[in-house]
Full PDB file with SEQRES, HELIX, SHEET, SSBOND, CRYST1, ORIGX, SCALE, CONECT and MASTER records, all heavy atoms in Angstrom:
SEQRES   1 A   42  VAL GLY VAL LEU GLY LEU GLY GLU MET GLY ARG THR VAL          
SEQRES   2 A   42  ALA LEU ARG LEU VAL ARG ASP GLY TYR ARG VAL MET GLY          
SEQRES   3 A   42  TRP SER THR ARG ALA ALA PRO VAL ALA GLY VAL HIS THR          
SEQRES   4 A   42  GLY ALA GLY                                                  
HELIX    1 AA1 GLU A    8  ARG A   19  1                                  12    
SHEET    1 AA1 3 GLY A   2  LEU A   4  0                                        
SHEET    2 AA1 3 MET A  25  SER A  28  1                                        
SHEET    3 AA1 3 HIS A  38  ALA A  41  1                                        
CRYST1    1.000    1.000    1.000  90.00  90.00  90.00 P 1           1          
ORIGX1      1.000000  0.000000  0.000000        0.00000                         
ORIGX2      0.000000  1.000000  0.000000        0.00000                         
ORIGX3      0.000000  0.000000  1.000000        0.00000                         
SCALE1      1.000000  0.000000  0.000000        0.00000                         
SCALE2      0.000000  1.000000  0.000000        0.00000                         
SCALE3      0.000000  0.000000  1.000000        0.00000                         
ATOM      1  N   VAL A   1      44.115-165.509 -55.354  1.00  0.00           N  
ATOM      2  CA  VAL A   1      44.033-164.548 -54.249  1.00  0.00           C  
ATOM      3  C   VAL A   1      45.266-164.706 -53.373  1.00  0.00           C  
ATOM      4  O   VAL A   1      45.630-165.818 -52.996  1.00  0.00           O  
ATOM      5  CB  VAL A   1      42.763-164.765 -53.399  1.00  0.00           C  
ATOM      6  CG1 VAL A   1      42.676-163.716 -52.299  1.00  0.00           C  
ATOM      7  CG2 VAL A   1      41.515-164.736 -54.276  1.00  0.00           C  
ATOM      8  N   GLY A   2      45.903-163.589 -53.044  1.00  0.00           N  
ATOM      9  CA  GLY A   2      47.054-163.606 -52.149  1.00  0.00           C  
ATOM     10  C   GLY A   2      46.678-163.056 -50.793  1.00  0.00           C  
ATOM     11  O   GLY A   2      46.008-162.024 -50.694  1.00  0.00           O  
ATOM     12  N   VAL A   3      47.080-163.748 -49.730  1.00  0.00           N  
ATOM     13  CA  VAL A   3      46.827-163.311 -48.363  1.00  0.00           C  
ATOM     14  C   VAL A   3      48.162-162.998 -47.708  1.00  0.00           C  
ATOM     15  O   VAL A   3      49.022-163.877 -47.586  1.00  0.00           O  
ATOM     16  CB  VAL A   3      46.082-164.394 -47.547  1.00  0.00           C  
ATOM     17  CG1 VAL A   3      45.875-163.927 -46.108  1.00  0.00           C  
ATOM     18  CG2 VAL A   3      44.743-164.728 -48.201  1.00  0.00           C  
ATOM     19  N   LEU A   4      48.352-161.747 -47.315  1.00  0.00           N  
ATOM     20  CA  LEU A   4      49.581-161.326 -46.639  1.00  0.00           C  
ATOM     21  C   LEU A   4      49.337-161.320 -45.134  1.00  0.00           C  
ATOM     22  O   LEU A   4      48.476-160.606 -44.640  1.00  0.00           O  
ATOM     23  CB  LEU A   4      49.986-159.921 -47.098  1.00  0.00           C  
ATOM     24  CG  LEU A   4      50.232-159.736 -48.599  1.00  0.00           C  
ATOM     25  CD1 LEU A   4      50.676-158.305 -48.874  1.00  0.00           C  
ATOM     26  CD2 LEU A   4      51.257-160.721 -49.117  1.00  0.00           C  
ATOM     27  N   GLY A   5      50.116-162.124 -44.419  1.00  0.00           N  
ATOM     28  CA  GLY A   5      49.928-162.270 -42.981  1.00  0.00           C  
ATOM     29  C   GLY A   5      49.184-163.554 -42.697  1.00  0.00           C  
ATOM     30  O   GLY A   5      48.005-163.681 -43.046  1.00  0.00           O  
ATOM     31  N   LEU A   6      49.865-164.537 -42.126  1.00  0.00           N  
ATOM     32  CA  LEU A   6      49.256-165.842 -41.874  1.00  0.00           C  
ATOM     33  C   LEU A   6      49.190-166.137 -40.380  1.00  0.00           C  
ATOM     34  O   LEU A   6      49.479-167.251 -39.936  1.00  0.00           O  
ATOM     35  CB  LEU A   6      50.027-166.936 -42.622  1.00  0.00           C  
ATOM     36  CG  LEU A   6      49.974-166.829 -44.150  1.00  0.00           C  
ATOM     37  CD1 LEU A   6      50.873-167.871 -44.791  1.00  0.00           C  
ATOM     38  CD2 LEU A   6      48.542-166.958 -44.664  1.00  0.00           C  
ATOM     39  N   GLY A   7      48.811-165.124 -39.617  1.00  0.00           N  
ATOM     40  CA  GLY A   7      48.505-165.334 -38.220  1.00  0.00           C  
ATOM     41  C   GLY A   7      47.140-166.001 -38.100  1.00  0.00           C  
ATOM     42  O   GLY A   7      46.633-166.582 -39.061  1.00  0.00           O  
ATOM     43  N   GLU A   8      46.527-165.890 -36.935  1.00  0.00           N  
ATOM     44  CA  GLU A   8      45.237-166.539 -36.719  1.00  0.00           C  
ATOM     45  C   GLU A   8      44.186-166.056 -37.729  1.00  0.00           C  
ATOM     46  O   GLU A   8      43.469-166.853 -38.336  1.00  0.00           O  
ATOM     47  CB  GLU A   8      44.752-166.275 -35.290  1.00  0.00           C  
ATOM     48  CG  GLU A   8      45.638-166.839 -34.203  1.00  0.00           C  
ATOM     49  CD  GLU A   8      45.496-168.338 -34.051  1.00  0.00           C  
ATOM     50  OE1 GLU A   8      44.502-168.898 -34.559  1.00  0.00           O  
ATOM     51  OE2 GLU A   8      46.375-168.949 -33.423  1.00  0.00           O  
ATOM     52  N   MET A   9      44.105-164.736 -37.916  1.00  0.00           N  
ATOM     53  CA  MET A   9      43.114-164.209 -38.863  1.00  0.00           C  
ATOM     54  C   MET A   9      43.466-164.587 -40.293  1.00  0.00           C  
ATOM     55  O   MET A   9      42.599-164.994 -41.074  1.00  0.00           O  
ATOM     56  CB  MET A   9      43.018-162.690 -38.730  1.00  0.00           C  
ATOM     57  CG  MET A   9      42.175-162.218 -37.585  1.00  0.00           C  
ATOM     58  SD  MET A   9      41.918-160.424 -37.645  1.00  0.00           S  
ATOM     59  CE  MET A   9      40.832-160.223 -36.231  1.00  0.00           C  
ATOM     60  N   GLY A  10      44.741-164.449 -40.659  1.00  0.00           N  
ATOM     61  CA  GLY A  10      45.154-164.743 -42.022  1.00  0.00           C  
ATOM     62  C   GLY A  10      44.900-166.186 -42.403  1.00  0.00           C  
ATOM     63  O   GLY A  10      44.421-166.478 -43.513  1.00  0.00           O  
ATOM     64  N   ARG A  11      45.195-167.104 -41.478  1.00  0.00           N  
ATOM     65  CA  ARG A  11      44.942-168.513 -41.761  1.00  0.00           C  
ATOM     66  C   ARG A  11      43.449-168.788 -41.913  1.00  0.00           C  
ATOM     67  O   ARG A  11      43.030-169.541 -42.810  1.00  0.00           O  
ATOM     68  CB  ARG A  11      45.521-169.390 -40.647  1.00  0.00           C  
ATOM     69  CG  ARG A  11      47.032-169.479 -40.678  1.00  0.00           C  
ATOM     70  CD  ARG A  11      47.533-170.650 -39.844  1.00  0.00           C  
ATOM     71  NE  ARG A  11      47.226-170.496 -38.433  1.00  0.00           N  
ATOM     72  CZ  ARG A  11      48.011-169.847 -37.576  1.00  0.00           C  
ATOM     73  NH1 ARG A  11      49.140-169.281 -38.008  1.00  0.00           N  
ATOM     74  NH2 ARG A  11      47.688-169.750 -36.302  1.00  0.00           N  
ATOM     75  N   THR A  12      42.644-168.179 -41.058  1.00  0.00           N  
ATOM     76  CA  THR A  12      41.201-168.381 -41.148  1.00  0.00           C  
ATOM     77  C   THR A  12      40.672-167.866 -42.480  1.00  0.00           C  
ATOM     78  O   THR A  12      39.841-168.513 -43.135  1.00  0.00           O  
ATOM     79  CB  THR A  12      40.481-167.676 -39.988  1.00  0.00           C  
ATOM     80  OG1 THR A  12      41.012-168.149 -38.746  1.00  0.00           O  
ATOM     81  CG2 THR A  12      38.987-167.951 -40.015  1.00  0.00           C  
ATOM     82  N   VAL A  13      41.151-166.697 -42.901  1.00  0.00           N  
ATOM     83  CA  VAL A  13      40.733-166.122 -44.183  1.00  0.00           C  
ATOM     84  C   VAL A  13      41.178-167.018 -45.339  1.00  0.00           C  
ATOM     85  O   VAL A  13      40.393-167.327 -46.253  1.00  0.00           O  
ATOM     86  CB  VAL A  13      41.304-164.704 -44.349  1.00  0.00           C  
ATOM     87  CG1 VAL A  13      41.189-164.224 -45.798  1.00  0.00           C  
ATOM     88  CG2 VAL A  13      40.598-163.737 -43.411  1.00  0.00           C  
ATOM     89  N   ALA A  14      42.436-167.448 -45.325  1.00  0.00           N  
ATOM     90  CA  ALA A  14      42.960-168.271 -46.410  1.00  0.00           C  
ATOM     91  C   ALA A  14      42.173-169.575 -46.542  1.00  0.00           C  
ATOM     92  O   ALA A  14      41.810-169.995 -47.659  1.00  0.00           O  
ATOM     93  CB  ALA A  14      44.440-168.553 -46.186  1.00  0.00           C  
ATOM     94  N   LEU A  15      41.879-170.220 -45.416  1.00  0.00           N  
ATOM     95  CA  LEU A  15      41.142-171.485 -45.457  1.00  0.00           C  
ATOM     96  C   LEU A  15      39.714-171.279 -45.951  1.00  0.00           C  
ATOM     97  O   LEU A  15      39.170-172.124 -46.681  1.00  0.00           O  
ATOM     98  CB  LEU A  15      41.146-172.121 -44.069  1.00  0.00           C  
ATOM     99  CG  LEU A  15      42.500-172.686 -43.612  1.00  0.00           C  
ATOM    100  CD1 LEU A  15      42.459-173.059 -42.139  1.00  0.00           C  
ATOM    101  CD2 LEU A  15      42.890-173.892 -44.470  1.00  0.00           C  
ATOM    102  N   ARG A  16      39.089-170.159 -45.574  1.00  0.00           N  
ATOM    103  CA  ARG A  16      37.734-169.861 -46.065  1.00  0.00           C  
ATOM    104  C   ARG A  16      37.745-169.711 -47.584  1.00  0.00           C  
ATOM    105  O   ARG A  16      36.872-170.240 -48.292  1.00  0.00           O  
ATOM    106  CB  ARG A  16      37.215-168.590 -45.395  1.00  0.00           C  
ATOM    107  CG  ARG A  16      35.954-167.980 -46.012  1.00  0.00           C  
ATOM    108  CD  ARG A  16      34.733-168.879 -45.856  1.00  0.00           C  
ATOM    109  NE  ARG A  16      33.572-168.292 -46.484  1.00  0.00           N  
ATOM    110  CZ  ARG A  16      32.640-167.556 -45.834  1.00  0.00           C  
ATOM    111  NH1 ARG A  16      32.769-167.331 -44.532  1.00  0.00           N  
ATOM    112  NH2 ARG A  16      31.611-167.067 -46.477  1.00  0.00           N  
ATOM    113  N   LEU A  17      38.747-169.028 -48.110  1.00  0.00           N  
ATOM    114  CA  LEU A  17      38.812-168.807 -49.557  1.00  0.00           C  
ATOM    115  C   LEU A  17      39.114-170.105 -50.304  1.00  0.00           C  
ATOM    116  O   LEU A  17      38.614-170.321 -51.409  1.00  0.00           O  
ATOM    117  CB  LEU A  17      39.862-167.747 -49.868  1.00  0.00           C  
ATOM    118  CG  LEU A  17      39.535-166.348 -49.328  1.00  0.00           C  
ATOM    119  CD1 LEU A  17      40.706-165.400 -49.563  1.00  0.00           C  
ATOM    120  CD2 LEU A  17      38.260-165.790 -49.960  1.00  0.00           C  
ATOM    121  N   VAL A  18      39.922-170.967 -49.700  1.00  0.00           N  
ATOM    122  CA  VAL A  18      40.163-172.285 -50.301  1.00  0.00           C  
ATOM    123  C   VAL A  18      38.852-173.056 -50.383  1.00  0.00           C  
ATOM    124  O   VAL A  18      38.537-173.677 -51.420  1.00  0.00           O  
ATOM    125  CB  VAL A  18      41.210-173.074 -49.486  1.00  0.00           C  
ATOM    126  CG1 VAL A  18      41.241-174.544 -49.910  1.00  0.00           C  
ATOM    127  CG2 VAL A  18      42.584-172.456 -49.651  1.00  0.00           C  
ATOM    128  N   ARG A  19      38.077-173.029 -49.304  1.00  0.00           N  
ATOM    129  CA  ARG A  19      36.781-173.728 -49.326  1.00  0.00           C  
ATOM    130  C   ARG A  19      35.840-173.151 -50.373  1.00  0.00           C  
ATOM    131  O   ARG A  19      35.000-173.864 -50.932  1.00  0.00           O  
ATOM    132  CB  ARG A  19      36.121-173.658 -47.941  1.00  0.00           C  
ATOM    133  CG  ARG A  19      36.801-174.488 -46.880  1.00  0.00           C  
ATOM    134  CD  ARG A  19      35.899-174.701 -45.677  1.00  0.00           C  
ATOM    135  NE  ARG A  19      35.519-173.456 -45.042  1.00  0.00           N  
ATOM    136  CZ  ARG A  19      36.214-172.869 -44.075  1.00  0.00           C  
ATOM    137  NH1 ARG A  19      37.354-173.407 -43.664  1.00  0.00           N  
ATOM    138  NH2 ARG A  19      35.790-171.743 -43.542  1.00  0.00           N  
ATOM    139  N   ASP A  20      35.985-171.861 -50.648  1.00  0.00           N  
ATOM    140  CA  ASP A  20      35.141-171.225 -51.666  1.00  0.00           C  
ATOM    141  C   ASP A  20      35.625-171.503 -53.079  1.00  0.00           C  
ATOM    142  O   ASP A  20      34.999-171.053 -54.048  1.00  0.00           O  
ATOM    143  CB  ASP A  20      35.082-169.708 -51.432  1.00  0.00           C  
ATOM    144  CG  ASP A  20      34.271-169.344 -50.193  1.00  0.00           C  
ATOM    145  OD1 ASP A  20      33.546-170.218 -49.675  1.00  0.00           O  
ATOM    146  OD2 ASP A  20      34.369-168.189 -49.739  1.00  0.00           O  
ATOM    147  N   GLY A  21      36.745-172.208 -53.201  1.00  0.00           N  
ATOM    148  CA  GLY A  21      37.211-172.639 -54.523  1.00  0.00           C  
ATOM    149  C   GLY A  21      38.288-171.801 -55.156  1.00  0.00           C  
ATOM    150  O   GLY A  21      38.689-172.064 -56.296  1.00  0.00           O  
ATOM    151  N   TYR A  22      38.806-170.780 -54.454  1.00  0.00           N  
ATOM    152  CA  TYR A  22      39.827-169.911 -55.033  1.00  0.00           C  
ATOM    153  C   TYR A  22      41.208-170.559 -54.948  1.00  0.00           C  
ATOM    154  O   TYR A  22      41.470-171.409 -54.084  1.00  0.00           O  
ATOM    155  CB  TYR A  22      39.845-168.555 -54.313  1.00  0.00           C  
ATOM    156  CG  TYR A  22      38.585-167.759 -54.537  1.00  0.00           C  
ATOM    157  CD1 TYR A  22      37.564-167.744 -53.588  1.00  0.00           C  
ATOM    158  CD2 TYR A  22      38.404-167.033 -55.710  1.00  0.00           C  
ATOM    159  CE1 TYR A  22      36.394-167.040 -53.803  1.00  0.00           C  
ATOM    160  CE2 TYR A  22      37.237-166.320 -55.935  1.00  0.00           C  
ATOM    161  CZ  TYR A  22      36.230-166.328 -54.979  1.00  0.00           C  
ATOM    162  OH  TYR A  22      35.069-165.633 -55.207  1.00  0.00           O  
ATOM    163  N   ARG A  23      42.073-170.148 -55.844  1.00  0.00           N  
ATOM    164  CA  ARG A  23      43.492-170.505 -55.757  1.00  0.00           C  
ATOM    165  C   ARG A  23      44.140-169.500 -54.820  1.00  0.00           C  
ATOM    166  O   ARG A  23      44.144-168.293 -55.115  1.00  0.00           O  
ATOM    167  CB  ARG A  23      44.154-170.481 -57.136  1.00  0.00           C  
ATOM    168  CG  ARG A  23      43.660-171.577 -58.056  1.00  0.00           C  
ATOM    169  CD  ARG A  23      44.427-171.610 -59.359  1.00  0.00           C  
ATOM    170  NE  ARG A  23      44.137-170.462 -60.203  1.00  0.00           N  
ATOM    171  CZ  ARG A  23      45.009-169.515 -60.538  1.00  0.00           C  
ATOM    172  NH1 ARG A  23      46.250-169.565 -60.102  1.00  0.00           N  
ATOM    173  NH2 ARG A  23      44.647-168.516 -61.310  1.00  0.00           N  
ATOM    174  N   VAL A  24      44.660-169.952 -53.710  1.00  0.00           N  
ATOM    175  CA  VAL A  24      45.120-169.048 -52.658  1.00  0.00           C  
ATOM    176  C   VAL A  24      46.618-169.191 -52.449  1.00  0.00           C  
ATOM    177  O   VAL A  24      47.144-170.298 -52.318  1.00  0.00           O  
ATOM    178  CB  VAL A  24      44.374-169.312 -51.332  1.00  0.00           C  
ATOM    179  CG1 VAL A  24      44.819-168.317 -50.264  1.00  0.00           C  
ATOM    180  CG2 VAL A  24      42.860-169.214 -51.546  1.00  0.00           C  
ATOM    181  N   MET A  25      47.293-168.043 -52.422  1.00  0.00           N  
ATOM    182  CA  MET A  25      48.690-167.961 -52.046  1.00  0.00           C  
ATOM    183  C   MET A  25      48.768-167.205 -50.723  1.00  0.00           C  
ATOM    184  O   MET A  25      47.960-166.308 -50.464  1.00  0.00           O  
ATOM    185  CB  MET A  25      49.510-167.223 -53.114  1.00  0.00           C  
ATOM    186  CG  MET A  25      49.465-167.862 -54.491  1.00  0.00           C  
ATOM    187  SD  MET A  25      50.369-166.877 -55.725  1.00  0.00           S  
ATOM    188  CE  MET A  25      52.074-167.129 -55.184  1.00  0.00           C  
ATOM    189  N   GLY A  26      49.723-167.568 -49.891  1.00  0.00           N  
ATOM    190  CA  GLY A  26      49.882-166.887 -48.615  1.00  0.00           C  
ATOM    191  C   GLY A  26      51.323-166.522 -48.366  1.00  0.00           C  
ATOM    192  O   GLY A  26      52.240-167.226 -48.811  1.00  0.00           O  
ATOM    193  N   TRP A  27      51.529-165.425 -47.649  1.00  0.00           N  
ATOM    194  CA  TRP A  27      52.893-164.979 -47.346  1.00  0.00           C  
ATOM    195  C   TRP A  27      52.960-164.478 -45.915  1.00  0.00           C  
ATOM    196  O   TRP A  27      52.028-163.846 -45.402  1.00  0.00           O  
ATOM    197  CB  TRP A  27      53.309-163.849 -48.283  1.00  0.00           C  
ATOM    198  CG  TRP A  27      54.722-163.388 -48.043  1.00  0.00           C  
ATOM    199  CD1 TRP A  27      55.866-163.939 -48.554  1.00  0.00           C  
ATOM    200  CD2 TRP A  27      55.141-162.293 -47.223  1.00  0.00           C  
ATOM    201  NE1 TRP A  27      56.965-163.257 -48.109  1.00  0.00           N  
ATOM    202  CE2 TRP A  27      56.563-162.246 -47.282  1.00  0.00           C  
ATOM    203  CE3 TRP A  27      54.456-161.368 -46.440  1.00  0.00           C  
ATOM    204  CZ2 TRP A  27      57.300-161.285 -46.583  1.00  0.00           C  
ATOM    205  CZ3 TRP A  27      55.200-160.425 -45.741  1.00  0.00           C  
ATOM    206  CH2 TRP A  27      56.608-160.380 -45.824  1.00  0.00           C  
ATOM    207  N   SER A  28      54.072-164.765 -45.271  1.00  0.00           N  
ATOM    208  CA  SER A  28      54.345-164.252 -43.934  1.00  0.00           C  
ATOM    209  C   SER A  28      55.846-164.104 -43.785  1.00  0.00           C  
ATOM    210  O   SER A  28      56.628-164.612 -44.613  1.00  0.00           O  
ATOM    211  CB  SER A  28      53.788-165.198 -42.861  1.00  0.00           C  
ATOM    212  OG  SER A  28      54.295-166.502 -43.041  1.00  0.00           O  
ATOM    213  N   THR A  29      56.263-163.398 -42.754  1.00  0.00           N  
ATOM    214  CA  THR A  29      57.702-163.165 -42.578  1.00  0.00           C  
ATOM    215  C   THR A  29      58.429-164.440 -42.188  1.00  0.00           C  
ATOM    216  O   THR A  29      59.623-164.573 -42.436  1.00  0.00           O  
ATOM    217  CB  THR A  29      57.940-162.094 -41.501  1.00  0.00           C  
ATOM    218  OG1 THR A  29      57.263-162.476 -40.290  1.00  0.00           O  
ATOM    219  CG2 THR A  29      57.398-160.740 -41.972  1.00  0.00           C  
ATOM    220  N   ARG A  30      57.705-165.375 -41.586  1.00  0.00           N  
ATOM    221  CA  ARG A  30      58.266-166.684 -41.265  1.00  0.00           C  
ATOM    222  C   ARG A  30      57.391-167.760 -41.883  1.00  0.00           C  
ATOM    223  O   ARG A  30      56.189-167.572 -42.058  1.00  0.00           O  
ATOM    224  CB  ARG A  30      58.335-166.883 -39.744  1.00  0.00           C  
ATOM    225  CG  ARG A  30      59.266-165.911 -39.029  1.00  0.00           C  
ATOM    226  CD  ARG A  30      59.309-166.225 -37.548  1.00  0.00           C  
ATOM    227  NE  ARG A  30      60.159-165.274 -36.820  1.00  0.00           N  
ATOM    228  CZ  ARG A  30      60.359-165.316 -35.507  1.00  0.00           C  
ATOM    229  NH1 ARG A  30      59.773-166.269 -34.788  1.00  0.00           N  
ATOM    230  NH2 ARG A  30      61.131-164.429 -34.916  1.00  0.00           N  
ATOM    231  N   ALA A  31      57.985-168.901 -42.199  1.00  0.00           N  
ATOM    232  CA  ALA A  31      57.233-169.991 -42.816  1.00  0.00           C  
ATOM    233  C   ALA A  31      56.029-170.356 -41.957  1.00  0.00           C  
ATOM    234  O   ALA A  31      56.149-170.541 -40.751  1.00  0.00           O  
ATOM    235  CB  ALA A  31      58.135-171.205 -43.002  1.00  0.00           C  
ATOM    236  N   ALA A  32      54.856-170.437 -42.590  1.00  0.00           N  
ATOM    237  CA  ALA A  32      53.614-170.746 -41.882  1.00  0.00           C  
ATOM    238  C   ALA A  32      52.722-171.578 -42.798  1.00  0.00           C  
ATOM    239  O   ALA A  32      51.835-171.041 -43.465  1.00  0.00           O  
ATOM    240  CB  ALA A  32      52.903-169.457 -41.450  1.00  0.00           C  
ATOM    241  N   PRO A  33      52.943-172.894 -42.859  1.00  0.00           N  
ATOM    242  CA  PRO A  33      52.152-173.743 -43.756  1.00  0.00           C  
ATOM    243  C   PRO A  33      50.662-173.706 -43.426  1.00  0.00           C  
ATOM    244  O   PRO A  33      50.274-173.673 -42.259  1.00  0.00           O  
ATOM    245  CB  PRO A  33      52.732-175.145 -43.499  1.00  0.00           C  
ATOM    246  CG  PRO A  33      54.078-174.917 -42.901  1.00  0.00           C  
ATOM    247  CD  PRO A  33      53.960-173.651 -42.114  1.00  0.00           C  
ATOM    248  N   VAL A  34      49.838-173.668 -44.470  1.00  0.00           N  
ATOM    249  CA  VAL A  34      48.384-173.700 -44.333  1.00  0.00           C  
ATOM    250  C   VAL A  34      47.861-174.698 -45.354  1.00  0.00           C  
ATOM    251  O   VAL A  34      48.187-174.595 -46.541  1.00  0.00           O  
ATOM    252  CB  VAL A  34      47.747-172.314 -44.577  1.00  0.00           C  
ATOM    253  CG1 VAL A  34      46.229-172.384 -44.417  1.00  0.00           C  
ATOM    254  CG2 VAL A  34      48.336-171.269 -43.635  1.00  0.00           C  
ATOM    255  N   ALA A  35      47.062-175.645 -44.927  1.00  0.00           N  
ATOM    256  CA  ALA A  35      46.570-176.695 -45.815  1.00  0.00           C  
ATOM    257  C   ALA A  35      45.840-176.109 -47.020  1.00  0.00           C  
ATOM    258  O   ALA A  35      44.946-175.274 -46.863  1.00  0.00           O  
ATOM    259  CB  ALA A  35      45.645-177.630 -45.035  1.00  0.00           C  
ATOM    260  N   GLY A  36      46.222-176.543 -48.200  1.00  0.00           N  
ATOM    261  CA  GLY A  36      45.562-176.102 -49.419  1.00  0.00           C  
ATOM    262  C   GLY A  36      46.011-174.758 -49.943  1.00  0.00           C  
ATOM    263  O   GLY A  36      45.489-174.280 -50.957  1.00  0.00           O  
ATOM    264  N   VAL A  37      46.983-174.124 -49.249  1.00  0.00           N  
ATOM    265  CA  VAL A  37      47.458-172.790 -49.635  1.00  0.00           C  
ATOM    266  C   VAL A  37      48.932-172.880 -50.009  1.00  0.00           C  
ATOM    267  O   VAL A  37      49.722-173.520 -49.307  1.00  0.00           O  
ATOM    268  CB  VAL A  37      47.279-171.783 -48.473  1.00  0.00           C  
ATOM    269  CG1 VAL A  37      47.809-170.406 -48.860  1.00  0.00           C  
ATOM    270  CG2 VAL A  37      45.814-171.710 -48.064  1.00  0.00           C  
ATOM    271  N   HIS A  38      49.288-172.254 -51.116  1.00  0.00           N  
ATOM    272  CA  HIS A  38      50.694-172.188 -51.517  1.00  0.00           C  
ATOM    273  C   HIS A  38      51.339-171.055 -50.714  1.00  0.00           C  
ATOM    274  O   HIS A  38      51.103-169.876 -50.981  1.00  0.00           O  
ATOM    275  CB  HIS A  38      50.813-171.911 -53.016  1.00  0.00           C  
ATOM    276  CG  HIS A  38      52.226-171.805 -53.492  1.00  0.00           C  
ATOM    277  ND1 HIS A  38      53.046-172.899 -53.635  1.00  0.00           N  
ATOM    278  CD2 HIS A  38      52.967-170.727 -53.842  1.00  0.00           C  
ATOM    279  CE1 HIS A  38      54.234-172.508 -54.060  1.00  0.00           C  
ATOM    280  NE2 HIS A  38      54.211-171.188 -54.189  1.00  0.00           N  
ATOM    281  N   THR A  39      52.121-171.399 -49.699  1.00  0.00           N  
ATOM    282  CA  THR A  39      52.665-170.398 -48.793  1.00  0.00           C  
ATOM    283  C   THR A  39      54.156-170.189 -49.025  1.00  0.00           C  
ATOM    284  O   THR A  39      54.851-171.052 -49.555  1.00  0.00           O  
ATOM    285  CB  THR A  39      52.438-170.793 -47.324  1.00  0.00           C  
ATOM    286  OG1 THR A  39      53.118-172.029 -47.059  1.00  0.00           O  
ATOM    287  CG2 THR A  39      50.966-170.947 -47.024  1.00  0.00           C  
ATOM    288  N   GLY A  40      54.622-169.031 -48.606  1.00  0.00           N  
ATOM    289  CA  GLY A  40      56.037-168.715 -48.716  1.00  0.00           C  
ATOM    290  C   GLY A  40      56.415-167.624 -47.747  1.00  0.00           C  
ATOM    291  O   GLY A  40      55.551-166.962 -47.149  1.00  0.00           O  
ATOM    292  N   ALA A  41      57.709-167.459 -47.557  1.00  0.00           N  
ATOM    293  CA  ALA A  41      58.246-166.412 -46.693  1.00  0.00           C  
ATOM    294  C   ALA A  41      59.463-165.821 -47.386  1.00  0.00           C  
ATOM    295  O   ALA A  41      60.072-166.455 -48.242  1.00  0.00           O  
ATOM    296  CB  ALA A  41      58.621-166.970 -45.327  1.00  0.00           C  
ATOM    297  N   GLY A  42      59.790-164.597 -47.023  1.00  0.00           N  
ATOM    298  CA  GLY A  42      60.954-163.959 -47.626  1.00  0.00           C  
ATOM    299  C   GLY A  42      60.589-163.115 -48.840  1.00  0.00           C  
ATOM    300  O   GLY A  42      59.476-163.186 -49.372  1.00  0.00           O  
TER     301      GLY A  42                                                      
MASTER        0    0    0    1    3    0    0    6  300    1    0    4          
END                                                                             
């Protein structure tokens, strides 16, 4: 599952999906590390 936008809502969503067992990728315009999520920018 890919989550675009890692603001407050995006991080909360990404962490919920990680807890549910999904492989989660995240992207934002600036680097925004989230525990358990493979994140990137650019």
